[in-house]
């Protein structure tokens, strides 16, 4: 119940700070719009109906869905945990009977609740008639949200050792932009690059998820593979986060501690 209350609080905060949401929305819409214009120009210039097996409609759907995911997959959990560590607030939270990881996840889900619901509606619409596959894809999407949060939480624990966290932002942004397939589907890359990236956490929560939404009915085995790998990555990163957090606490020099 305490995590549900925290989720509600995160949702209320997102309503209070609406300006932040609209600024990020406009920024992402501009980025997605530029990608759409670029790919439209490529299709017109090539004179082909498909590029790397993608029709223009399919490519537009892919870019719009990855753009929506990028609105959900933000860096807030990372910098929220970093602030708690740097300000010493973490020492107060450690005295409470809560799991800091779950507390952070519930706050993150609450802040993104409207977008998560919108994503769910789009998945249902785009996969209508697929029955059980639709349920699995919705489950895959929820696990992907948890995995993204876990990646950010893991990186946030680095605040125990790093003086400043902001230099990580452009590095993570670049990795997500490329490995997550925000500019193009990963399978347009050379085979060796695609095979090296397709099972990475950033690909699983973004490009691979969108591919299952668009092609899940034609390749059901990929849905089970991606969902299983996402769960494996989630479990592994939860364990690594716990270990780093315990090690970091030994070096902790928070305010008032």
Protein backbone atom coordinates (compact mmCIF):
# COMPACT_ATOMS: atom_id res chain seq x y z
CA UNK A 1 0.00 0.00 0.00
CA UNK A 2 2.87 2.38 0.78
CA UNK A 3 4.20 1.95 -2.76
CA UNK A 4 0.74 2.62 -4.22
CA UNK A 5 0.65 5.86 -2.22
CA UNK A 6 4.07 6.73 -3.59
CA UNK A 7 2.84 5.99 -7.12
CA UNK A 8 -0.10 8.35 -6.59
CA UNK A 9 2.28 11.01 -5.26
CA UNK A 10 4.44 10.65 -8.37
CA UNK A 11 1.36 11.05 -10.56
CA UNK A 12 0.26 14.16 -8.64
CA UNK A 13 3.72 15.69 -8.99
CA UNK A 14 3.59 15.15 -12.75
CA UNK A 15 0.35 17.14 -12.82
CA UNK A 16 1.82 19.94 -10.71
CA UNK A 17 4.91 20.31 -12.89
CA UNK A 18 3.06 20.27 -16.20
CA UNK A 19 5.50 22.68 -17.82
CA UNK A 20 8.30 20.12 -17.61
CA UNK A 21 6.08 17.52 -19.27
CA UNK A 22 5.02 19.81 -22.13
CA UNK A 23 8.59 20.98 -22.77
CA UNK A 24 9.84 17.39 -22.98
CA UNK A 25 6.83 16.49 -25.15
CA UNK A 26 7.48 19.32 -27.62
CA UNK A 27 11.19 18.50 -27.74
CA UNK A 28 10.53 14.84 -28.47
CA UNK A 29 7.86 15.69 -31.06
CA UNK A 30 10.38 17.87 -32.88
CA UNK A 31 12.96 15.08 -32.84
CA UNK A 32 10.45 12.50 -34.07
CA UNK A 33 9.20 14.95 -36.69
CA UNK A 34 12.72 15.45 -38.04
CA UNK A 35 13.22 11.67 -38.19
CA UNK A 36 9.95 11.26 -40.07
CA UNK A 37 10.88 13.98 -42.57
CA UNK A 38 14.34 12.46 -43.07
CA UNK A 39 12.97 8.99 -43.77
CA UNK A 40 10.21 10.35 -46.01
CA UNK A 41 12.87 12.12 -48.07
CA UNK A 42 14.88 8.89 -48.27
CA UNK A 43 11.88 6.97 -49.59
CA UNK A 44 11.10 9.68 -52.15
CA UNK A 45 14.72 9.90 -53.26
CA UNK A 46 15.15 6.15 -53.57
CA UNK A 47 11.92 5.71 -55.51
CA UNK A 48 11.40 2.38 -53.72
CA UNK A 49 8.39 1.22 -51.76
CA UNK A 50 10.56 -0.50 -49.15
CA UNK A 51 13.97 0.16 -47.62
CA UNK A 52 15.63 -2.75 -45.82
CA UNK A 53 12.27 -4.51 -45.84
CA UNK A 54 10.37 -1.59 -44.28
CA UNK A 55 7.51 0.13 -46.07
CA UNK A 56 7.12 3.84 -45.47
CA UNK A 57 4.05 3.25 -43.28
CA UNK A 58 5.84 0.61 -41.24
CA UNK A 59 8.83 2.91 -40.73
CA UNK A 60 6.60 5.80 -39.63
CA UNK A 61 4.86 3.55 -37.09
CA UNK A 62 8.22 2.38 -35.78
CA UNK A 63 9.54 5.93 -35.30
CA UNK A 64 6.35 7.14 -33.60
CA UNK A 65 6.35 4.23 -31.14
CA UNK A 66 10.03 4.62 -30.27
CA UNK A 67 9.38 8.34 -29.83
CA UNK A 68 6.59 7.58 -27.33
CA UNK A 69 8.87 5.18 -25.47
CA UNK A 70 11.55 7.87 -25.23
CA UNK A 71 9.03 10.06 -23.38
CA UNK A 72 8.59 7.28 -20.83
CA UNK A 73 12.23 6.24 -20.65
CA UNK A 74 13.76 9.34 -19.10
CA UNK A 75 16.69 9.76 -16.70
CA UNK A 76 14.65 10.88 -13.69
CA UNK A 77 15.28 7.77 -11.54
CA UNK A 78 19.03 8.18 -12.01
CA UNK A 79 19.21 11.83 -10.97
CA UNK A 80 16.58 11.42 -8.24
CA UNK A 81 18.68 8.76 -6.52
CA UNK A 82 21.84 10.81 -7.09
CA UNK A 83 20.23 13.84 -5.41
CA UNK A 84 19.16 11.74 -2.45
CA UNK A 85 22.72 10.50 -2.04
CA UNK A 86 24.40 13.87 -2.50
CA UNK A 87 22.06 15.75 -0.16
CA UNK A 88 22.13 13.06 2.51
CA UNK A 89 18.38 12.43 2.25
CA UNK A 90 19.22 8.79 1.63
CA UNK A 91 20.16 8.43 5.31
CA UNK A 92 16.57 9.27 6.31
CA UNK A 93 15.08 6.91 3.74
CA UNK A 94 17.27 4.07 5.00
CA UNK A 95 15.59 4.33 8.41
CA UNK A 96 12.15 3.68 6.92
CA UNK A 97 10.72 0.18 6.40
CA UNK A 98 10.75 0.48 2.61
CA UNK A 99 12.66 -0.94 -0.32
CA UNK A 100 14.41 2.03 -1.97
CA UNK A 101 14.33 0.33 -5.35
CA UNK A 102 10.58 -0.25 -5.21
CA UNK A 103 10.04 3.24 -3.81
CA UNK A 104 11.89 4.68 -6.79
CA UNK A 105 10.06 2.42 -9.27
CA UNK A 106 6.61 3.35 -7.90
CA UNK A 107 7.46 7.06 -8.10
CA UNK A 108 8.71 6.64 -11.68
CA UNK A 109 5.60 4.72 -12.79
CA UNK A 110 3.36 7.33 -11.17
CA UNK A 111 5.15 10.17 -12.96
CA UNK A 112 4.76 8.38 -16.31
CA UNK A 113 1.32 6.88 -15.70
CA UNK A 114 -0.51 8.81 -18.44
CA UNK A 115 2.10 7.89 -21.04
CA UNK A 116 2.15 4.26 -19.91
CA UNK A 117 -1.63 4.05 -20.32
CA UNK A 118 -1.33 5.65 -23.76
CA UNK A 119 1.32 3.10 -24.72
CA UNK A 120 -0.96 0.29 -23.54
CA UNK A 121 -3.85 1.61 -25.61
CA UNK A 122 -1.65 1.84 -28.73
CA UNK A 123 -0.40 -1.71 -28.22
CA UNK A 124 -3.96 -3.01 -27.93
CA UNK A 125 -5.02 -1.11 -31.06
CA UNK A 126 -2.02 -2.18 -33.16
CA UNK A 127 -2.21 -5.82 -32.04
CA UNK A 128 -5.99 -6.17 -32.06
CA UNK A 129 -7.10 -9.67 -32.97
CA UNK A 130 -3.90 -11.32 -31.78
CA UNK A 131 -5.44 -12.54 -28.52
CA UNK A 132 -2.85 -14.02 -26.18
CA UNK A 133 0.00 -12.29 -28.04
CA UNK A 134 -1.47 -8.91 -27.09
CA UNK A 135 -1.39 -9.87 -23.40
CA UNK A 136 2.22 -11.03 -23.72
CA UNK A 137 3.24 -7.81 -25.48
CA UNK A 138 1.59 -5.75 -22.73
CA UNK A 139 3.50 -7.81 -20.18
CA UNK A 140 6.70 -7.28 -22.18
CA UNK A 141 6.08 -3.52 -22.15
CA UNK A 142 5.62 -3.50 -18.35
CA UNK A 143 8.77 -5.55 -17.79
CA UNK A 144 10.63 -3.19 -20.15
CA UNK A 145 9.56 -0.20 -18.04
CA UNK A 146 10.87 -1.98 -14.95
CA UNK A 147 14.13 -2.82 -16.74
CA UNK A 148 14.65 0.78 -17.85
CA UNK A 149 14.10 1.98 -14.31
CA UNK A 150 16.58 -0.61 -13.06
CA UNK A 151 19.22 0.59 -15.52
CA UNK A 152 18.75 4.15 -14.28
CA UNK A 153 18.73 3.08 -10.62
CA UNK A 154 21.95 1.15 -11.17
CA UNK A 155 23.63 4.17 -12.75
CA UNK A 156 22.29 6.35 -9.92
CA UNK A 157 24.28 4.33 -7.38
CA UNK A 158 27.43 5.68 -9.02
CA UNK A 159 26.72 8.92 -7.13
CA UNK A 160 28.42 7.26 -4.15
CA UNK A 161 31.69 7.62 -6.06
CA UNK A 162 31.20 10.39 -8.66
CA UNK A 163 31.31 14.05 -7.64
CA UNK A 164 29.04 15.17 -10.50
CA UNK A 165 26.47 13.06 -12.33
CA UNK A 166 25.52 15.44 -15.15
CA UNK A 167 28.40 14.35 -17.46
CA UNK A 168 26.63 10.98 -17.72
CA UNK A 169 23.57 12.51 -19.41
CA UNK A 170 25.02 13.02 -22.93
CA UNK A 171 26.73 9.63 -22.81
CA UNK A 172 23.52 7.81 -21.83
CA UNK A 173 21.51 9.86 -24.33
CA UNK A 174 23.85 8.89 -27.16
CA UNK A 175 23.82 5.22 -26.18
CA UNK A 176 20.03 5.17 -25.94
CA UNK A 177 19.64 7.03 -29.23
CA UNK A 178 21.80 4.51 -31.07
CA UNK A 179 21.40 1.21 -29.20
CA UNK A 180 17.70 1.80 -28.60
CA UNK A 181 17.07 2.34 -32.32
CA UNK A 182 15.42 5.74 -31.97
CA UNK A 183 16.67 6.99 -35.34
CA UNK A 184 16.27 3.76 -37.31
CA UNK A 185 15.45 0.08 -36.74
CA UNK A 186 18.54 -1.75 -35.58
CA UNK A 187 18.23 -4.42 -38.26
CA UNK A 188 19.19 -1.89 -40.95
CA UNK A 189 22.71 -2.02 -39.50
CA UNK A 190 25.30 -4.52 -40.76
CA UNK A 191 24.55 -8.03 -39.53
CA UNK A 192 27.48 -8.12 -37.09
CA UNK A 193 26.41 -4.82 -35.49
CA UNK A 194 22.76 -5.83 -35.30
CA UNK A 195 23.52 -9.18 -33.71
CA UNK A 196 25.78 -7.45 -31.19
CA UNK A 197 23.14 -4.93 -30.14
CA UNK A 198 19.76 -6.67 -30.45
CA UNK A 199 19.93 -8.44 -27.10
CA UNK A 200 21.31 -5.51 -25.12
CA UNK A 201 19.06 -3.96 -22.44
CA UNK A 202 18.64 -0.71 -24.36
CA UNK A 203 17.57 -2.55 -27.50
CA UNK A 204 15.19 -4.86 -25.63
CA UNK A 205 13.27 -2.01 -24.01
CA UNK A 206 12.97 0.05 -27.18
CA UNK A 207 13.65 -1.27 -30.68
CA UNK A 208 12.88 -4.92 -29.90
CA UNK A 209 9.69 -4.00 -28.03
CA UNK A 210 8.42 -1.94 -30.96
CA UNK A 211 9.27 -4.74 -33.39
CA UNK A 212 7.16 -7.19 -31.40
CA UNK A 213 4.25 -4.75 -31.47
CA UNK A 214 4.51 -4.38 -35.25
CA UNK A 215 5.48 -7.94 -36.14
CA UNK A 216 4.55 -10.07 -33.12
CA UNK A 217 1.88 -12.05 -34.95
CA UNK A 218 4.31 -12.98 -37.75
CA UNK A 219 7.22 -13.91 -35.46
CA UNK A 220 5.75 -15.16 -32.14
CA UNK A 221 8.99 -16.90 -31.20
CA UNK A 222 10.75 -13.52 -31.02
CA UNK A 223 8.18 -12.29 -28.51
CA UNK A 224 8.98 -15.14 -26.12
CA UNK A 225 12.72 -14.68 -26.68
CA UNK A 226 12.69 -10.92 -26.04
CA UNK A 227 10.38 -11.20 -23.03
CA UNK A 228 12.55 -13.92 -21.49
CA UNK A 229 15.77 -11.99 -22.05
CA UNK A 230 14.23 -8.83 -20.60
CA UNK A 231 13.31 -10.73 -17.42
CA UNK A 232 16.85 -12.19 -17.22
CA UNK A 233 18.42 -8.73 -17.61
CA UNK A 234 16.04 -7.31 -14.98
CA UNK A 235 16.98 -9.97 -12.43
CA UNK A 236 20.69 -9.55 -13.15
CA UNK A 237 20.60 -5.75 -12.83
CA UNK A 238 18.57 -5.89 -9.61
CA UNK A 239 21.27 -8.10 -8.11
CA UNK A 240 24.06 -5.84 -9.37
CA UNK A 241 22.27 -2.73 -8.08
CA UNK A 242 21.92 -4.25 -4.60
CA UNK A 243 25.61 -5.12 -4.52
CA UNK A 244 26.72 -1.66 -5.68
CA UNK A 245 24.37 -0.01 -3.20
CA UNK A 246 25.80 -2.00 -0.29
CA UNK A 247 29.36 -1.20 -1.35
CA UNK A 248 28.47 2.46 -1.84
CA UNK A 249 27.00 2.76 1.63
CA UNK A 250 30.39 1.95 3.13
CA UNK A 251 31.79 5.03 1.39
CA UNK A 252 28.77 7.18 2.09
CA UNK A 253 29.45 10.63 3.57
CA UNK A 254 25.99 12.15 3.48
CA UNK A 255 24.87 15.30 5.17
CA UNK A 256 24.33 14.71 8.87
CA UNK A 257 25.84 11.24 8.81
